[in-house]
PDB file of N, CA and C in Angstrom:
ATOM      1  N   MET A   1       3.387  -9.801   7.862  1.00  0.00           N
ATOM      2  CA  MET A   1       2.870  -9.340   6.587  1.00  0.00           C
ATOM      3  C   MET A   1       3.103 -10.437   5.547  1.00  0.00           C
ATOM      4  N   PRO A   2       2.101 -10.809   4.792  1.00  0.00           N
ATOM      5  CA  PRO A   2       2.224 -11.913   3.830  1.00  0.00           C
ATOM      6  C   PRO A   2       3.346 -11.724   2.809  1.00  0.00           C
ATOM      7  N   ASP A   3       3.563 -10.488   2.328  1.00  0.00           N
ATOM      8  CA  ASP A   3       4.616 -10.267   1.338  1.00  0.00           C
ATOM      9  C   ASP A   3       5.989 -10.553   1.921  1.00  0.00           C
ATOM     10  N   GLU A   4       6.205 -10.187   3.180  1.00  0.00           N
ATOM     11  CA  GLU A   4       7.481 -10.459   3.826  1.00  0.00           C
ATOM     12  C   GLU A   4       7.676 -11.956   4.022  1.00  0.00           C
ATOM     13  N   ALA A   5       6.601 -12.696   4.226  1.00  0.00           N
ATOM     14  CA  ALA A   5       6.700 -14.145   4.343  1.00  0.00           C
ATOM     15  C   ALA A   5       7.112 -14.774   3.022  1.00  0.00           C
ATOM     16  N   SER A   6       6.905 -14.062   1.909  1.00  0.00           N
ATOM     17  CA  SER A   6       7.293 -14.565   0.597  1.00  0.00           C
ATOM     18  C   SER A   6       8.684 -14.101   0.192  1.00  0.00           C
ATOM     19  N   GLY A   7       9.362 -13.372   1.067  1.00  0.00           N
ATOM     20  CA  GLY A   7      10.707 -12.917   0.784  1.00  0.00           C
ATOM     21  C   GLY A   7      10.824 -11.466   0.365  1.00  0.00           C
ATOM     22  N   PHE A   8       9.704 -10.758   0.257  1.00  0.00           N
ATOM     23  CA  PHE A   8       9.752  -9.344  -0.104  1.00  0.00           C
ATOM     24  C   PHE A   8      10.270  -8.535   1.079  1.00  0.00           C
ATOM     25  N   VAL A   9      10.912  -7.414   0.772  1.00  0.00           N
ATOM     26  CA  VAL A   9      11.471  -6.521   1.778  1.00  0.00           C
ATOM     27  C   VAL A   9      10.783  -5.171   1.656  1.00  0.00           C
ATOM     28  N   ARG A  10      10.439  -4.581   2.793  1.00  0.00           N
ATOM     29  CA  ARG A  10       9.837  -3.252   2.777  1.00  0.00           C
ATOM     30  C   ARG A  10      10.929  -2.244   2.449  1.00  0.00           C
ATOM     31  N   GLU A  11      10.755  -1.528   1.346  1.00  0.00           N
ATOM     32  CA  GLU A  11      11.749  -0.554   0.921  1.00  0.00           C
ATOM     33  C   GLU A  11      11.384   0.870   1.312  1.00  0.00           C
ATOM     34  N   GLY A  12      10.118   1.114   1.534  1.00  0.00           N
ATOM     35  CA  GLY A  12       9.740   2.458   1.927  1.00  0.00           C
ATOM     36  C   GLY A  12       8.247   2.623   2.058  1.00  0.00           C
ATOM     37  N   VAL A  13       7.862   3.827   2.463  1.00  0.00           N
ATOM     38  CA  VAL A  13       6.453   4.172   2.618  1.00  0.00           C
ATOM     39  C   VAL A  13       6.216   5.495   1.906  1.00  0.00           C
ATOM     40  N   ARG A  14       5.220   5.508   1.046  1.00  0.00           N
ATOM     41  CA  ARG A  14       4.799   6.750   0.397  1.00  0.00           C
ATOM     42  C   ARG A  14       3.659   7.307   1.250  1.00  0.00           C
ATOM     43  N   ARG A  15       3.953   8.352   1.997  1.00  0.00           N
ATOM     44  CA  ARG A  15       2.983   8.896   2.937  1.00  0.00           C
ATOM     45  C   ARG A  15       1.893   9.662   2.201  1.00  0.00           C
ATOM     46  N   ASP A  16       0.651   9.441   2.643  1.00  0.00           N
ATOM     47  CA  ASP A  16      -0.519  10.098   2.047  1.00  0.00           C
ATOM     48  C   ASP A  16      -0.525   9.959   0.529  1.00  0.00           C
ATOM     49  N   ALA A  17      -0.272   8.778   0.044  1.00  0.00           N
ATOM     50  CA  ALA A  17      -0.131   8.532  -1.395  1.00  0.00           C
ATOM     51  C   ALA A  17      -1.461   8.269  -2.094  1.00  0.00           C
ATOM     52  N   LEU A  18      -2.436   7.755  -1.354  1.00  0.00           N
ATOM     53  CA  LEU A  18      -3.707   7.356  -1.962  1.00  0.00           C
ATOM     54  C   LEU A  18      -4.870   7.928  -1.177  1.00  0.00           C
ATOM     55  N   ARG A  19      -5.946   8.192  -1.887  1.00  0.00           N
ATOM     56  CA  ARG A  19      -7.168   8.643  -1.219  1.00  0.00           C
ATOM     57  C   ARG A  19      -8.158   7.485  -1.214  1.00  0.00           C
ATOM     58  N   LEU A  20      -8.558   7.066  -0.018  1.00  0.00           N
ATOM     59  CA  LEU A  20      -9.449   5.926   0.147  1.00  0.00           C
ATOM     60  C   LEU A  20     -10.598   6.325   1.061  1.00  0.00           C
ATOM     61  N   ASP A  21     -11.806   6.240   0.549  1.00  0.00           N
ATOM     62  CA  ASP A  21     -13.002   6.617   1.321  1.00  0.00           C
ATOM     63  C   ASP A  21     -12.877   8.017   1.926  1.00  0.00           C
ATOM     64  N   GLY A  22     -12.316   8.940   1.142  1.00  0.00           N
ATOM     65  CA  GLY A  22     -12.221  10.318   1.574  1.00  0.00           C
ATOM     66  C   GLY A  22     -11.047  10.640   2.488  1.00  0.00           C
ATOM     67  N   GLU A  23     -10.196   9.660   2.766  1.00  0.00           N
ATOM     68  CA  GLU A  23      -9.040   9.891   3.628  1.00  0.00           C
ATOM     69  C   GLU A  23      -7.759   9.531   2.897  1.00  0.00           C
ATOM     70  N   TRP A  24      -6.698  10.284   3.180  1.00  0.00           N
ATOM     71  CA  TRP A  24      -5.389   9.984   2.613  1.00  0.00           C
ATOM     72  C   TRP A  24      -4.756   8.841   3.406  1.00  0.00           C
ATOM     73  N   VAL A  25      -4.224   7.852   2.697  1.00  0.00           N
ATOM     74  CA  VAL A  25      -3.581   6.701   3.334  1.00  0.00           C
ATOM     75  C   VAL A  25      -2.189   6.496   2.747  1.00  0.00           C
ATOM     76  N   ASP A  26      -1.327   5.824   3.499  1.00  0.00           N
ATOM     77  CA  ASP A  26       0.027   5.533   3.057  1.00  0.00           C
ATOM     78  C   ASP A  26       0.039   4.341   2.098  1.00  0.00           C
ATOM     79  N   SER A  27       1.081   4.277   1.281  1.00  0.00           N
ATOM     80  CA  SER A  27       1.309   3.156   0.378  1.00  0.00           C
ATOM     81  C   SER A  27       2.678   2.563   0.696  1.00  0.00           C
ATOM     82  N   ILE A  28       2.737   1.269   0.956  1.00  0.00           N
ATOM     83  CA  ILE A  28       3.991   0.603   1.297  1.00  0.00           C
ATOM     84  C   ILE A  28       4.632   0.063   0.019  1.00  0.00           C
ATOM     85  N   VAL A  29       5.926   0.348  -0.157  1.00  0.00           N
ATOM     86  CA  VAL A  29       6.667  -0.121  -1.323  1.00  0.00           C
ATOM     87  C   VAL A  29       7.463  -1.361  -0.915  1.00  0.00           C
ATOM     88  N   MET A  30       7.214  -2.479  -1.613  1.00  0.00           N
ATOM     89  CA  MET A  30       7.883  -3.751  -1.322  1.00  0.00           C
ATOM     90  C   MET A  30       8.627  -4.221  -2.568  1.00  0.00           C
ATOM     91  N   ALA A  31       9.713  -4.979  -2.366  1.00  0.00           N
ATOM     92  CA  ALA A  31      10.468  -5.499  -3.504  1.00  0.00           C
ATOM     93  C   ALA A  31      11.200  -6.771  -3.109  1.00  0.00           C
ATOM     94  N   VAL A  32      11.525  -7.565  -4.118  1.00  0.00           N
ATOM     95  CA  VAL A  32      12.411  -8.720  -3.950  1.00  0.00           C
ATOM     96  C   VAL A  32      13.351  -8.708  -5.153  1.00  0.00           C
ATOM     97  N   LEU A  33      14.621  -8.914  -4.905  1.00  0.00           N
ATOM     98  CA  LEU A  33      15.597  -8.916  -5.985  1.00  0.00           C
ATOM     99  C   LEU A  33      15.590 -10.255  -6.714  1.00  0.00           C
ATOM    100  N   ASP A  34      15.954 -10.224  -7.973  1.00  0.00           N
ATOM    101  CA  ASP A  34      15.935 -11.417  -8.812  1.00  0.00           C
ATOM    102  C   ASP A  34      16.750 -12.559  -8.209  1.00  0.00           C
ATOM    103  N   HIS A  35      17.951 -12.257  -7.716  1.00  0.00           N
ATOM    104  CA  HIS A  35      18.786 -13.335  -7.169  1.00  0.00           C
ATOM    105  C   HIS A  35      18.205 -13.893  -5.864  1.00  0.00           C
ATOM    106  N   GLU A  36      17.481 -13.059  -5.103  1.00  0.00           N
ATOM    107  CA  GLU A  36      16.831 -13.549  -3.891  1.00  0.00           C
ATOM    108  C   GLU A  36      15.685 -14.495  -4.254  1.00  0.00           C
ATOM    109  N   TRP A  37      14.888 -14.095  -5.235  1.00  0.00           N
ATOM    110  CA  TRP A  37      13.762 -14.925  -5.663  1.00  0.00           C
ATOM    111  C   TRP A  37      14.266 -16.243  -6.257  1.00  0.00           C
ATOM    112  N   ALA A  38      15.343 -16.192  -7.023  1.00  0.00           N
ATOM    113  CA  ALA A  38      15.905 -17.392  -7.641  1.00  0.00           C
ATOM    114  C   ALA A  38      16.379 -18.387  -6.586  1.00  0.00           C
ATOM    115  N   THR A  39      16.766 -17.878  -5.420  1.00  0.00           N
ATOM    116  CA  THR A  39      17.244 -18.744  -4.347  1.00  0.00           C
ATOM    117  C   THR A  39      16.119 -19.495  -3.649  1.00  0.00           C
ATOM    118  N   HIS A  40      15.003 -18.813  -3.364  1.00  0.00           N
ATOM    119  CA  HIS A  40      13.956 -19.446  -2.543  1.00  0.00           C
ATOM    120  C   HIS A  40      12.589 -19.539  -3.207  1.00  0.00           C
ATOM    121  N   HIS A  41      12.405 -18.933  -4.374  1.00  0.00           N
ATOM    122  CA  HIS A  41      11.138 -19.013  -5.120  1.00  0.00           C
ATOM    123  C   HIS A  41       9.920 -18.695  -4.251  1.00  0.00           C
ATOM    124  N   GLY A  42      10.049 -17.709  -3.386  1.00  0.00           N
ATOM    125  CA  GLY A  42       8.925 -17.290  -2.560  1.00  0.00           C
ATOM    126  C   GLY A  42       8.745 -18.078  -1.284  1.00  0.00           C
ATOM    127  N   HIS A  43       9.716 -18.935  -0.954  1.00  0.00           N
ATOM    128  CA  HIS A  43       9.619 -19.734   0.272  1.00  0.00           C
ATOM    129  C   HIS A  43      10.933 -19.630   1.048  1.00  0.00           C
ATOM    130  N   PRO A  44      11.241 -18.439   1.596  1.00  0.00           N
ATOM    131  CA  PRO A  44      12.503 -18.294   2.345  1.00  0.00           C
ATOM    132  C   PRO A  44      12.466 -19.080   3.637  1.00  0.00           C
ATOM    133  N   VAL A  45      13.624 -19.439   4.120  1.00  0.00           N
ATOM    134  CA  VAL A  45      13.722 -20.151   5.396  1.00  0.00           C
ATOM    135  C   VAL A  45      13.473 -19.158   6.513  1.00  0.00           C
ATOM    136  N   ALA A  46      12.607 -19.512   7.434  1.00  0.00           N
ATOM    137  CA  ALA A  46      12.274 -18.626   8.553  1.00  0.00           C
ATOM    138  C   ALA A  46      13.462 -18.505   9.493  1.00  0.00           C
ATOM    139  N   ALA A  47      13.752 -17.290   9.915  1.00  0.00           N
ATOM    140  CA  ALA A  47      14.838 -17.066  10.879  1.00  0.00           C
ATOM    141  C   ALA A  47      14.376 -17.504  12.256  1.00  0.00           C
ATOM    142  N   GLY A  48      15.306 -18.010  13.025  1.00  0.00           N
ATOM    143  CA  GLY A  48      14.926 -18.347  14.387  1.00  0.00           C
ATOM    144  C   GLY A  48      15.557 -19.582  14.804  1.00  0.00           C
TER     145      GLY A  48
END
């Protein structure tokens, strides 16, 4: 997921949060903390 590649962390899922083309879909909640962003500015080191 592109947001996770930028250092964002999935914090949760809002189930059936949005209606899109007549169907209910989930909404993913993502976040990055200020101190995390200050460390890597959107370019975290890949684990591995």
